[in-house]
Every structure is written in structure tokens, then in C-alpha cells.
């Protein structure tokens, strides 16, 4: 049988006034779900040696939540916690810690720094983009810089520029269209659009 909420309450270093109520609720509402919870965990998790630990983690989270407010009904709450715990574990397993790989060359991962020729190409592309941005009409340029470079929302741009959001959208559309023409279109068309 699993541990009772006493452990999570005492382990937290505090005894809330409702500790007895939580313990009674846990024994009455949560422990009868243990068989179904174990079936769910065994069905959903591939590493069977971790099932007991997963059950305990679910119980700990249930106890922590019950310290704030006892959930009613208990069953969907317990299974939601179990599902979220499994999702979080899957996410963590997808992350490969750099310390776990002894030989980085075995991963065949590119180095963080680009090659010299790639650096030259990137600098050239940045210069072209900067030049293209400077060729935009002033209000379009301001909207594009605020929206696409600084990452402000349409509402924030509207406030900063003192214009409506519809006008911001128009400036962004015209600016991005002009940038695309300047960078990838025919030179004569780009000059004519501005």
C-alpha cells in the first residue's frame, strides 16, 4: 500500500490545521483509486521499474494540492495529475544533457561557431537587409523595426507610434512587401513600389 499524506505534510516541514482532514480525505477518496491508477501508469509508461515511483510522485502532488484546497471529485483530479506527470517526464527525456555524452564528436553536431565563409555571407546578408530597411518609407520602417525586429505586438506598436492598429497592420504589410521586393524582386519594381 502506498504512503499516506502524513509523509508529504511532514516532509514539507509544516502541519497545516487541516492535516487530519487531508489524511482522512486521502484514505477515503484517493487510496481506493490506487489499483486503477497503477493500471493507467503501467499502460502509459514503458519503463515498468519506474511505476511505483510515478505513483508516489502523483500522491505527493495530490497532497500538495490538497493542502491548498481538497479537490472534489478526487478521481479526475488524480488522473489529471498522473497524465501531466507523464507528459512532463516525456518532455524531460527528450532533452539530452551535454554531460551525458562523453564524446561530442560522436554526435556529429556542428560546432557553435560558423565557418569563416558562412560568417562573411551572414554579414553580407545583414548589410543587405539593413540597407533595404533604410530604403523603406519612415513610418513603414518604424513599424517593421518595432514589429519584426523588436517583437512588439500590433497594439504596442500602435501605442508607441500613436496610430491605430489597422494603420500599423497596413504599414507592416506595405513594409514587408517592399522588403521582399527589394531583397528578392526585380530592382525596377522595388524602386517603383516605394
N, C-alpha and C. Protein backbone atom coordinates (compact mmCIF):
# COMPACT_ATOMS: atom_id res chain seq x y z
N UNK A 1 0.84 -1.17 0.00
CA UNK A 1 0.00 0.00 0.00
C UNK A 1 0.89 1.23 0.00
N UNK A 2 0.43 2.27 -0.53
CA UNK A 2 1.22 3.50 -0.67
C UNK A 2 1.27 4.27 0.63
N UNK A 3 2.18 5.23 0.65
CA UNK A 3 2.31 6.10 1.81
C UNK A 3 1.09 6.99 1.93
N UNK A 4 0.84 7.46 3.13
CA UNK A 4 -0.28 8.36 3.36
C UNK A 4 0.19 9.79 3.25
N UNK A 5 -0.73 10.75 3.27
CA UNK A 5 -0.34 12.14 3.13
C UNK A 5 0.49 12.66 4.29
N UNK A 6 0.57 11.90 5.40
CA UNK A 6 1.40 12.37 6.51
C UNK A 6 2.81 12.68 6.04
N UNK A 7 3.33 11.80 5.19
CA UNK A 7 4.71 11.98 4.73
C UNK A 7 4.90 13.26 3.97
N UNK A 8 3.97 13.60 3.08
CA UNK A 8 4.15 14.83 2.31
C UNK A 8 3.90 16.04 3.18
N UNK A 9 3.03 15.93 4.19
CA UNK A 9 2.79 17.06 5.07
C UNK A 9 3.97 17.28 6.00
N UNK A 10 4.48 16.18 6.58
CA UNK A 10 5.63 16.31 7.46
C UNK A 10 6.88 16.66 6.69
N UNK A 11 7.02 16.08 5.47
CA UNK A 11 8.18 16.35 4.65
C UNK A 11 8.25 17.81 4.24
N UNK A 12 7.13 18.47 4.17
CA UNK A 12 7.12 19.88 3.80
C UNK A 12 7.52 20.75 4.97
N UNK A 13 7.63 20.14 6.19
CA UNK A 13 8.08 20.90 7.34
C UNK A 13 6.98 21.76 7.96
N UNK A 14 5.73 21.45 7.68
CA UNK A 14 4.64 22.22 8.26
C UNK A 14 3.45 21.30 8.48
N UNK A 15 2.71 21.60 9.50
CA UNK A 15 1.48 20.86 9.79
C UNK A 15 0.35 21.86 9.71
N UNK A 16 -0.36 21.81 8.61
CA UNK A 16 -1.47 22.73 8.45
C UNK A 16 -2.61 22.32 9.36
N UNK A 17 -3.51 23.25 9.67
CA UNK A 17 -4.64 22.92 10.54
C UNK A 17 -5.50 21.80 9.97
N UNK A 18 -5.51 21.64 8.64
CA UNK A 18 -6.35 20.63 8.01
C UNK A 18 -5.64 19.32 7.74
N UNK A 19 -4.53 19.05 8.41
CA UNK A 19 -3.77 17.83 8.13
C UNK A 19 -4.61 16.57 8.37
N UNK A 20 -5.36 16.54 9.44
CA UNK A 20 -6.19 15.37 9.73
C UNK A 20 -7.29 15.22 8.67
N UNK A 21 -7.84 16.35 8.25
CA UNK A 21 -8.88 16.32 7.22
C UNK A 21 -8.31 15.82 5.89
N UNK A 22 -7.11 16.27 5.56
CA UNK A 22 -6.46 15.83 4.32
C UNK A 22 -6.17 14.34 4.39
N UNK A 23 -5.66 13.88 5.55
CA UNK A 23 -5.34 12.47 5.71
C UNK A 23 -6.60 11.62 5.56
N UNK A 24 -7.70 12.04 6.17
CA UNK A 24 -8.96 11.31 6.06
C UNK A 24 -9.45 11.30 4.62
N UNK A 25 -9.41 12.44 3.96
CA UNK A 25 -9.83 12.53 2.56
C UNK A 25 -8.96 11.63 1.69
N UNK A 26 -7.64 11.66 1.91
CA UNK A 26 -6.73 10.86 1.10
C UNK A 26 -7.06 9.37 1.22
N UNK A 27 -7.24 8.90 2.44
CA UNK A 27 -7.53 7.48 2.67
C UNK A 27 -8.89 7.12 2.09
N UNK A 28 -9.86 8.01 2.24
CA UNK A 28 -11.23 7.72 1.78
C UNK A 28 -11.39 7.84 0.26
N UNK A 29 -10.75 8.86 -0.35
CA UNK A 29 -11.00 9.17 -1.76
C UNK A 29 -9.89 8.74 -2.71
N UNK A 30 -8.63 8.86 -2.30
CA UNK A 30 -7.51 8.65 -3.23
C UNK A 30 -7.00 7.21 -3.20
N UNK A 31 -6.78 6.66 -2.01
CA UNK A 31 -6.24 5.30 -1.94
C UNK A 31 -7.11 4.25 -2.64
N UNK A 32 -8.44 4.35 -2.61
CA UNK A 32 -9.23 3.37 -3.37
C UNK A 32 -8.99 3.42 -4.88
N UNK A 33 -8.41 4.50 -5.36
CA UNK A 33 -8.12 4.63 -6.80
C UNK A 33 -6.78 4.00 -7.18
N UNK A 34 -6.05 3.49 -6.19
CA UNK A 34 -4.69 3.01 -6.45
C UNK A 34 -4.62 1.93 -7.52
N UNK A 35 -5.50 0.96 -7.50
CA UNK A 35 -5.46 -0.12 -8.50
C UNK A 35 -5.66 0.44 -9.90
N UNK A 36 -6.64 1.33 -10.06
CA UNK A 36 -6.88 1.94 -11.37
C UNK A 36 -5.71 2.83 -11.78
N UNK A 37 -5.16 3.56 -10.83
CA UNK A 37 -4.00 4.41 -11.11
C UNK A 37 -2.82 3.57 -11.57
N UNK A 38 -2.57 2.46 -10.89
CA UNK A 38 -1.45 1.59 -11.27
C UNK A 38 -1.66 1.01 -12.67
N UNK A 39 -2.89 0.61 -13.00
CA UNK A 39 -3.16 0.10 -14.35
C UNK A 39 -2.89 1.19 -15.38
N UNK A 40 -3.35 2.41 -15.09
CA UNK A 40 -3.13 3.53 -16.00
C UNK A 40 -1.63 3.79 -16.20
N UNK A 41 -0.88 3.82 -15.11
CA UNK A 41 0.56 4.08 -15.22
C UNK A 41 1.28 2.95 -15.96
N UNK A 42 0.91 1.71 -15.68
CA UNK A 42 1.54 0.58 -16.37
C UNK A 42 1.22 0.58 -17.85
N UNK A 43 0.02 0.99 -18.18
CA UNK A 43 -0.39 1.05 -19.59
C UNK A 43 0.30 2.21 -20.31
N UNK A 44 0.55 3.30 -19.60
CA UNK A 44 1.03 4.53 -20.24
C UNK A 44 2.54 4.71 -20.20
N UNK A 45 3.23 4.00 -19.33
CA UNK A 45 4.67 4.23 -19.17
C UNK A 45 5.44 2.98 -19.53
N UNK A 46 6.46 3.13 -20.38
CA UNK A 46 7.17 1.96 -20.90
C UNK A 46 8.15 1.35 -19.90
N UNK A 47 8.73 2.16 -19.01
CA UNK A 47 9.71 1.64 -18.05
C UNK A 47 8.97 1.19 -16.79
N UNK A 48 8.70 -0.10 -16.71
CA UNK A 48 7.88 -0.65 -15.63
C UNK A 48 8.54 -0.50 -14.26
N UNK A 49 9.86 -0.39 -14.21
CA UNK A 49 10.55 -0.25 -12.93
C UNK A 49 10.30 1.12 -12.28
N UNK A 50 9.76 2.06 -13.04
CA UNK A 50 9.50 3.41 -12.50
C UNK A 50 8.06 3.61 -12.06
N UNK A 51 7.22 2.60 -12.21
CA UNK A 51 5.79 2.77 -11.93
C UNK A 51 5.53 3.14 -10.47
N UNK A 52 6.18 2.46 -9.54
CA UNK A 52 5.96 2.76 -8.12
C UNK A 52 6.39 4.19 -7.80
N UNK A 53 7.50 4.62 -8.37
CA UNK A 53 7.96 6.00 -8.15
C UNK A 53 6.98 6.99 -8.74
N UNK A 54 6.44 6.68 -9.90
CA UNK A 54 5.46 7.57 -10.52
C UNK A 54 4.22 7.69 -9.64
N UNK A 55 3.77 6.55 -9.09
CA UNK A 55 2.61 6.58 -8.20
C UNK A 55 2.87 7.49 -7.00
N UNK A 56 4.05 7.36 -6.42
CA UNK A 56 4.38 8.20 -5.27
C UNK A 56 4.44 9.68 -5.66
N UNK A 57 4.98 9.97 -6.84
CA UNK A 57 5.01 11.36 -7.30
C UNK A 57 3.60 11.92 -7.47
N UNK A 58 2.69 11.08 -7.97
CA UNK A 58 1.30 11.50 -8.12
C UNK A 58 0.73 11.81 -6.74
N UNK A 59 0.97 10.90 -5.78
CA UNK A 59 0.44 11.11 -4.43
C UNK A 59 1.00 12.37 -3.79
N UNK A 60 2.27 12.63 -4.01
CA UNK A 60 2.87 13.84 -3.44
C UNK A 60 2.20 15.08 -4.02
N UNK A 61 2.01 15.09 -5.32
CA UNK A 61 1.36 16.25 -5.95
C UNK A 61 -0.09 16.40 -5.50
N UNK A 62 -0.77 15.30 -5.32
CA UNK A 62 -2.15 15.35 -4.83
C UNK A 62 -2.17 15.94 -3.42
N UNK A 63 -1.25 15.49 -2.57
CA UNK A 63 -1.18 16.01 -1.20
C UNK A 63 -0.86 17.50 -1.19
N UNK A 64 0.08 17.90 -2.02
CA UNK A 64 0.44 19.33 -2.07
C UNK A 64 -0.74 20.17 -2.50
N UNK A 65 -1.48 19.70 -3.47
CA UNK A 65 -2.66 20.45 -3.92
C UNK A 65 -3.74 20.45 -2.85
N UNK A 66 -3.90 19.35 -2.13
CA UNK A 66 -4.94 19.26 -1.10
C UNK A 66 -4.64 20.18 0.08
N UNK A 67 -3.38 20.55 0.26
CA UNK A 67 -3.05 21.48 1.34
C UNK A 67 -3.65 22.86 1.09
N UNK A 68 -3.86 23.17 -0.18
CA UNK A 68 -4.48 24.45 -0.51
C UNK A 68 -6.00 24.32 -0.52
N UNK A 69 -6.49 23.26 -1.19
CA UNK A 69 -7.92 23.01 -1.26
C UNK A 69 -8.12 21.55 -1.65
N UNK A 70 -8.97 20.89 -0.92
CA UNK A 70 -9.23 19.47 -1.21
C UNK A 70 -10.06 19.39 -2.49
N UNK A 71 -9.53 18.71 -3.51
CA UNK A 71 -10.25 18.61 -4.78
C UNK A 71 -11.48 17.71 -4.67
N UNK A 72 -12.52 18.15 -5.33
CA UNK A 72 -13.74 17.37 -5.35
C UNK A 72 -14.33 17.44 -6.75
N UNK A 73 -14.46 16.38 -7.45
CA UNK A 73 -14.20 14.99 -7.09
C UNK A 73 -12.71 14.65 -7.22
N UNK A 74 -12.30 13.61 -6.52
CA UNK A 74 -10.89 13.25 -6.45
C UNK A 74 -10.40 12.50 -7.69
N UNK A 75 -11.21 11.62 -8.23
CA UNK A 75 -10.75 10.74 -9.32
C UNK A 75 -10.23 11.49 -10.55
N UNK A 76 -10.99 12.41 -11.15
CA UNK A 76 -10.43 13.10 -12.32
C UNK A 76 -9.21 13.93 -11.97
N UNK A 77 -9.17 14.44 -10.76
CA UNK A 77 -8.02 15.23 -10.32
C UNK A 77 -6.76 14.35 -10.27
N UNK A 78 -6.87 13.18 -9.67
CA UNK A 78 -5.73 12.27 -9.54
C UNK A 78 -5.22 11.85 -10.92
N UNK A 79 -6.14 11.52 -11.82
CA UNK A 79 -5.72 11.05 -13.13
C UNK A 79 -5.19 12.20 -14.01
N UNK A 80 -5.66 13.40 -13.79
CA UNK A 80 -5.09 14.56 -14.49
C UNK A 80 -3.67 14.80 -14.03
N UNK A 81 -3.44 14.69 -12.74
CA UNK A 81 -2.08 14.85 -12.22
C UNK A 81 -1.18 13.75 -12.79
N UNK A 82 -1.66 12.54 -12.84
CA UNK A 82 -0.87 11.43 -13.38
C UNK A 82 -0.52 11.68 -14.85
N UNK A 83 -1.51 12.11 -15.62
CA UNK A 83 -1.26 12.39 -17.04
C UNK A 83 -0.24 13.50 -17.21
N UNK A 84 -0.39 14.59 -16.45
CA UNK A 84 0.55 15.71 -16.55
C UNK A 84 1.95 15.31 -16.12
N UNK A 85 2.05 14.47 -15.11
CA UNK A 85 3.35 13.99 -14.66
C UNK A 85 4.03 13.17 -15.77
N UNK A 86 3.26 12.32 -16.44
CA UNK A 86 3.83 11.52 -17.54
C UNK A 86 4.28 12.43 -18.69
N UNK A 87 3.48 13.43 -19.01
CA UNK A 87 3.84 14.37 -20.08
C UNK A 87 5.14 15.09 -19.74
N UNK A 88 5.26 15.54 -18.50
CA UNK A 88 6.49 16.23 -18.08
C UNK A 88 7.69 15.31 -18.14
N UNK A 89 7.52 14.06 -17.76
CA UNK A 89 8.64 13.12 -17.83
C UNK A 89 9.08 12.87 -19.27
N UNK A 90 8.11 12.74 -20.17
CA UNK A 90 8.44 12.53 -21.59
C UNK A 90 9.22 13.74 -22.11
N UNK A 91 8.76 14.93 -21.78
CA UNK A 91 9.47 16.14 -22.22
C UNK A 91 10.89 16.16 -21.71
N UNK A 92 11.08 15.82 -20.44
CA UNK A 92 12.44 15.82 -19.88
C UNK A 92 13.32 14.77 -20.53
N UNK A 93 12.74 13.63 -20.88
CA UNK A 93 13.55 12.57 -21.51
C UNK A 93 14.01 12.96 -22.90
N UNK A 94 13.28 13.83 -23.57
CA UNK A 94 13.68 14.25 -24.91
C UNK A 94 14.88 15.17 -24.89
N UNK A 95 15.16 15.77 -23.74
CA UNK A 95 16.30 16.67 -23.62
C UNK A 95 17.52 15.83 -23.28
N UNK A 96 18.55 15.93 -24.09
CA UNK A 96 19.78 15.20 -23.85
C UNK A 96 20.77 16.16 -23.19
N UNK A 97 21.13 15.85 -21.96
CA UNK A 97 22.07 16.70 -21.26
C UNK A 97 23.46 16.53 -21.87
N UNK A 98 24.18 17.63 -21.97
CA UNK A 98 25.50 17.60 -22.58
C UNK A 98 26.46 16.73 -21.77
N UNK A 99 26.23 16.65 -20.44
CA UNK A 99 27.11 15.84 -19.58
C UNK A 99 26.95 14.35 -19.86
N UNK A 100 25.82 13.94 -20.43
CA UNK A 100 25.59 12.52 -20.66
C UNK A 100 26.34 12.01 -21.88
N UNK A 101 26.87 12.90 -22.68
CA UNK A 101 27.59 12.49 -23.88
C UNK A 101 29.07 12.69 -23.64
N UNK A 102 29.81 11.59 -23.61
CA UNK A 102 31.24 11.67 -23.32
C UNK A 102 32.01 12.27 -24.48
N UNK A 103 31.66 11.89 -25.69
CA UNK A 103 32.40 12.35 -26.86
C UNK A 103 31.49 13.15 -27.76
N UNK A 104 31.66 14.46 -27.76
CA UNK A 104 30.81 15.33 -28.57
C UNK A 104 31.00 15.07 -30.07
N UNK A 105 32.19 14.67 -30.46
CA UNK A 105 32.44 14.39 -31.88
C UNK A 105 31.61 13.19 -32.35
N UNK A 106 31.27 12.30 -31.44
CA UNK A 106 30.47 11.13 -31.81
C UNK A 106 29.05 11.55 -32.19
N UNK A 107 28.59 12.67 -31.67
CA UNK A 107 27.26 13.15 -32.02
C UNK A 107 27.19 13.73 -33.42
N UNK A 108 28.33 14.09 -33.96
CA UNK A 108 28.43 14.72 -35.27
C UNK A 108 27.56 15.97 -35.34
N UNK A 109 27.63 16.77 -34.27
CA UNK A 109 26.89 18.03 -34.21
C UNK A 109 27.83 19.14 -34.63
N UNK A 110 27.32 20.06 -35.42
CA UNK A 110 28.14 21.16 -35.88
C UNK A 110 28.56 22.02 -34.69
N UNK A 111 29.71 22.61 -34.80
CA UNK A 111 30.20 23.50 -33.75
C UNK A 111 29.32 24.74 -33.70
N UNK A 112 29.35 25.41 -32.54
CA UNK A 112 28.53 26.60 -32.37
C UNK A 112 28.96 27.74 -33.28
N UNK A 113 30.23 27.85 -33.54
CA UNK A 113 30.70 28.97 -34.35
C UNK A 113 30.64 28.61 -35.83
N UNK A 114 30.13 29.52 -36.65
CA UNK A 114 30.06 29.24 -38.09
C UNK A 114 31.44 29.32 -38.72
N UNK A 115 31.55 28.72 -39.88
CA UNK A 115 32.81 28.77 -40.61
C UNK A 115 33.05 30.21 -41.08
N UNK A 116 34.30 30.56 -41.42
CA UNK A 116 34.60 31.93 -41.86
C UNK A 116 33.78 32.36 -43.07
N UNK A 117 33.60 31.46 -44.05
CA UNK A 117 32.82 31.84 -45.22
C UNK A 117 31.35 32.06 -44.88
N UNK A 118 30.82 31.28 -43.94
CA UNK A 118 29.44 31.45 -43.50
C UNK A 118 29.28 32.79 -42.77
N UNK A 119 30.29 33.18 -42.00
CA UNK A 119 30.25 34.47 -41.31
C UNK A 119 30.23 35.63 -42.30
N UNK A 120 31.03 35.52 -43.35
CA UNK A 120 31.07 36.58 -44.37
C UNK A 120 29.71 36.68 -45.07
N UNK A 121 29.13 35.54 -45.42
CA UNK A 121 27.83 35.53 -46.09
C UNK A 121 26.77 36.13 -45.17
N UNK A 122 26.78 35.76 -43.89
CA UNK A 122 25.79 36.28 -42.95
C UNK A 122 25.94 37.79 -42.79
N UNK A 123 27.17 38.29 -42.68
CA UNK A 123 27.38 39.73 -42.56
C UNK A 123 26.88 40.46 -43.80
N UNK A 124 27.12 39.86 -44.97
CA UNK A 124 26.65 40.47 -46.22
C UNK A 124 25.12 40.52 -46.25
N UNK A 125 24.47 39.43 -45.83
CA UNK A 125 23.01 39.40 -45.79
C UNK A 125 22.46 40.43 -44.82
N UNK A 126 23.12 40.61 -43.67
CA UNK A 126 22.68 41.62 -42.71
C UNK A 126 22.82 43.03 -43.29
N UNK A 127 23.92 43.28 -44.00
CA UNK A 127 24.10 44.60 -44.63
C UNK A 127 23.01 44.86 -45.67
N UNK A 128 22.70 43.85 -46.46
CA UNK A 128 21.63 44.00 -47.46
C UNK A 128 20.29 44.29 -46.80
N UNK A 129 20.00 43.57 -45.73
CA UNK A 129 18.74 43.78 -45.01
C UNK A 129 18.70 45.17 -44.39
N UNK A 130 19.80 45.60 -43.79
CA UNK A 130 19.85 46.93 -43.19
C UNK A 130 19.65 48.01 -44.26
N UNK A 131 20.28 47.83 -45.39
CA UNK A 131 20.12 48.78 -46.49
C UNK A 131 18.68 48.81 -46.99
N UNK A 132 18.06 47.62 -47.09
CA UNK A 132 16.67 47.53 -47.55
C UNK A 132 15.74 48.20 -46.55
N UNK A 133 15.98 48.01 -45.27
CA UNK A 133 15.15 48.65 -44.25
C UNK A 133 15.26 50.16 -44.33
N UNK A 134 16.46 50.67 -44.57
CA UNK A 134 16.66 52.12 -44.67
C UNK A 134 15.97 52.71 -45.90
N UNK A 135 15.69 51.89 -46.89
CA UNK A 135 15.01 52.38 -48.10
C UNK A 135 13.49 52.47 -47.93
N UNK A 136 12.96 51.90 -46.84
CA UNK A 136 11.52 51.94 -46.61
C UNK A 136 11.07 53.35 -46.23
N UNK A 137 9.82 53.69 -46.51
CA UNK A 137 9.27 54.96 -46.02
C UNK A 137 9.37 54.99 -44.48
N UNK A 138 9.57 56.16 -43.89
CA UNK A 138 9.85 56.24 -42.45
C UNK A 138 8.83 55.53 -41.55
N UNK A 139 7.53 55.71 -41.78
CA UNK A 139 6.52 55.08 -40.91
C UNK A 139 6.49 53.56 -41.10
N UNK A 140 6.66 53.10 -42.34
CA UNK A 140 6.74 51.65 -42.59
C UNK A 140 7.98 51.08 -41.91
N UNK A 141 9.09 51.77 -42.04
CA UNK A 141 10.35 51.33 -41.43
C UNK A 141 10.17 51.20 -39.92
N UNK A 142 9.57 52.21 -39.30
CA UNK A 142 9.38 52.19 -37.86
C UNK A 142 8.50 51.01 -37.45
N UNK A 143 7.41 50.78 -38.17
CA UNK A 143 6.50 49.67 -37.86
C UNK A 143 7.21 48.32 -38.04
N UNK A 144 7.97 48.17 -39.10
CA UNK A 144 8.68 46.91 -39.36
C UNK A 144 9.73 46.67 -38.28
N UNK A 145 10.49 47.68 -37.93
CA UNK A 145 11.53 47.51 -36.90
C UNK A 145 10.88 47.15 -35.56
N UNK A 146 9.83 47.86 -35.19
CA UNK A 146 9.17 47.58 -33.91
C UNK A 146 8.52 46.20 -33.89
N UNK A 147 7.88 45.82 -35.00
CA UNK A 147 7.16 44.56 -35.03
C UNK A 147 8.01 43.34 -35.31
N UNK A 148 8.87 43.44 -36.31
CA UNK A 148 9.60 42.25 -36.75
C UNK A 148 10.99 42.12 -36.11
N UNK A 149 11.56 43.21 -35.66
CA UNK A 149 12.89 43.13 -35.05
C UNK A 149 12.79 43.17 -33.54
N UNK A 150 12.01 44.13 -33.01
CA UNK A 150 11.88 44.24 -31.56
C UNK A 150 10.80 43.32 -31.01
N UNK A 151 9.94 42.78 -31.87
CA UNK A 151 8.94 41.80 -31.46
C UNK A 151 7.74 42.36 -30.72
N UNK A 152 7.42 43.63 -30.92
CA UNK A 152 6.25 44.21 -30.28
C UNK A 152 4.97 43.76 -30.98
N UNK A 153 3.89 43.73 -30.23
CA UNK A 153 2.59 43.37 -30.82
C UNK A 153 2.03 44.57 -31.57
N UNK A 154 1.00 44.33 -32.38
CA UNK A 154 0.36 45.41 -33.12
C UNK A 154 -0.18 46.49 -32.19
N UNK A 155 -0.73 46.08 -31.07
CA UNK A 155 -1.25 47.04 -30.09
C UNK A 155 -0.13 47.90 -29.52
N UNK A 156 0.99 47.27 -29.17
CA UNK A 156 2.12 48.01 -28.60
C UNK A 156 2.72 48.98 -29.63
N UNK A 157 2.78 48.55 -30.88
CA UNK A 157 3.30 49.43 -31.94
C UNK A 157 2.36 50.62 -32.11
N UNK A 158 1.06 50.37 -32.11
CA UNK A 158 0.08 51.44 -32.27
C UNK A 158 0.23 52.48 -31.17
N UNK A 159 0.41 52.04 -29.95
CA UNK A 159 0.59 52.97 -28.83
C UNK A 159 1.88 53.76 -29.01
N UNK A 160 2.95 53.07 -29.34
CA UNK A 160 4.25 53.74 -29.46
C UNK A 160 4.26 54.74 -30.61
N UNK A 161 3.61 54.38 -31.73
CA UNK A 161 3.61 55.27 -32.90
C UNK A 161 2.47 56.28 -32.87
N UNK A 162 1.51 56.09 -31.97
CA UNK A 162 0.38 57.00 -31.89
C UNK A 162 -0.58 56.87 -33.06
N UNK A 163 -0.78 55.64 -33.54
CA UNK A 163 -1.68 55.38 -34.66
C UNK A 163 -2.58 54.21 -34.32
N UNK A 164 -3.57 53.94 -35.16
CA UNK A 164 -4.47 52.81 -34.90
C UNK A 164 -3.78 51.49 -35.27
N UNK A 165 -4.33 50.40 -34.73
CA UNK A 165 -3.79 49.08 -35.05
C UNK A 165 -3.99 48.74 -36.52
N UNK A 166 -5.07 49.22 -37.12
CA UNK A 166 -5.30 48.97 -38.54
C UNK A 166 -4.22 49.64 -39.38
N UNK A 167 -3.83 50.84 -38.97
CA UNK A 167 -2.76 51.54 -39.69
C UNK A 167 -1.43 50.82 -39.49
N UNK A 168 -1.21 50.29 -38.29
CA UNK A 168 0.01 49.50 -38.04
C UNK A 168 0.04 48.30 -38.98
N UNK A 169 -1.08 47.60 -39.09
CA UNK A 169 -1.15 46.44 -39.98
C UNK A 169 -0.84 46.83 -41.42
N UNK A 170 -1.37 47.97 -41.84
CA UNK A 170 -1.11 48.44 -43.21
C UNK A 170 0.37 48.76 -43.40
N UNK A 171 0.98 49.47 -42.43
CA UNK A 171 2.41 49.79 -42.52
C UNK A 171 3.25 48.51 -42.56
N UNK A 172 2.90 47.54 -41.73
CA UNK A 172 3.65 46.28 -41.71
C UNK A 172 3.53 45.56 -43.04
N UNK A 173 2.32 45.49 -43.58
CA UNK A 173 2.12 44.79 -44.85
C UNK A 173 2.88 45.48 -45.98
N UNK A 174 2.75 46.80 -46.06
CA UNK A 174 3.45 47.53 -47.12
C UNK A 174 4.96 47.40 -46.94
N UNK A 175 5.42 47.51 -45.69
CA UNK A 175 6.86 47.41 -45.42
C UNK A 175 7.43 46.05 -45.76
N UNK A 176 6.73 44.99 -45.36
CA UNK A 176 7.23 43.64 -45.63
C UNK A 176 7.19 43.33 -47.13
N UNK A 177 6.14 43.81 -47.81
CA UNK A 177 6.05 43.62 -49.26
C UNK A 177 7.22 44.34 -49.95
N UNK A 178 7.49 45.57 -49.51
CA UNK A 178 8.58 46.34 -50.11
C UNK A 178 9.93 45.67 -49.82
N UNK A 179 10.12 45.16 -48.61
CA UNK A 179 11.37 44.47 -48.28
C UNK A 179 11.55 43.24 -49.16
N UNK A 180 10.49 42.49 -49.34
CA UNK A 180 10.58 41.30 -50.19
C UNK A 180 10.95 41.69 -51.61
N UNK A 181 10.37 42.76 -52.11
CA UNK A 181 10.70 43.21 -53.46
C UNK A 181 12.15 43.70 -53.54
N UNK A 182 12.57 44.45 -52.55
CA UNK A 182 13.94 44.97 -52.55
C UNK A 182 14.95 43.83 -52.50
N UNK A 183 14.69 42.86 -51.62
CA UNK A 183 15.65 41.78 -51.41
C UNK A 183 15.58 40.69 -52.47
N UNK A 184 14.36 40.37 -52.96
CA UNK A 184 14.22 39.21 -53.84
C UNK A 184 13.58 39.52 -55.18
N UNK A 185 13.01 40.70 -55.32
CA UNK A 185 12.31 41.05 -56.55
C UNK A 185 13.24 41.71 -57.56
N UNK A 186 12.63 42.17 -58.62
CA UNK A 186 13.39 42.89 -59.64
C UNK A 186 13.67 44.30 -59.14
N UNK A 187 14.88 44.80 -59.36
CA UNK A 187 15.24 46.12 -58.83
C UNK A 187 14.31 47.23 -59.30
N UNK A 188 13.84 47.20 -60.52
CA UNK A 188 12.99 48.28 -61.03
C UNK A 188 11.64 48.29 -60.32
N UNK A 189 11.09 47.09 -60.02
CA UNK A 189 9.80 47.01 -59.33
C UNK A 189 9.95 47.51 -57.90
N UNK A 190 11.04 47.17 -57.22
CA UNK A 190 11.22 47.58 -55.84
C UNK A 190 11.25 49.08 -55.73
N UNK A 191 11.95 49.74 -56.63
CA UNK A 191 12.03 51.20 -56.58
C UNK A 191 10.70 51.83 -56.90
N UNK A 192 9.90 51.22 -57.77
CA UNK A 192 8.62 51.78 -58.15
C UNK A 192 7.59 51.68 -57.02
N UNK A 193 7.66 50.63 -56.19
CA UNK A 193 6.69 50.43 -55.11
C UNK A 193 6.89 51.43 -53.98
N UNK A 194 8.11 51.90 -53.79
CA UNK A 194 8.36 52.82 -52.69
C UNK A 194 8.01 54.20 -53.13
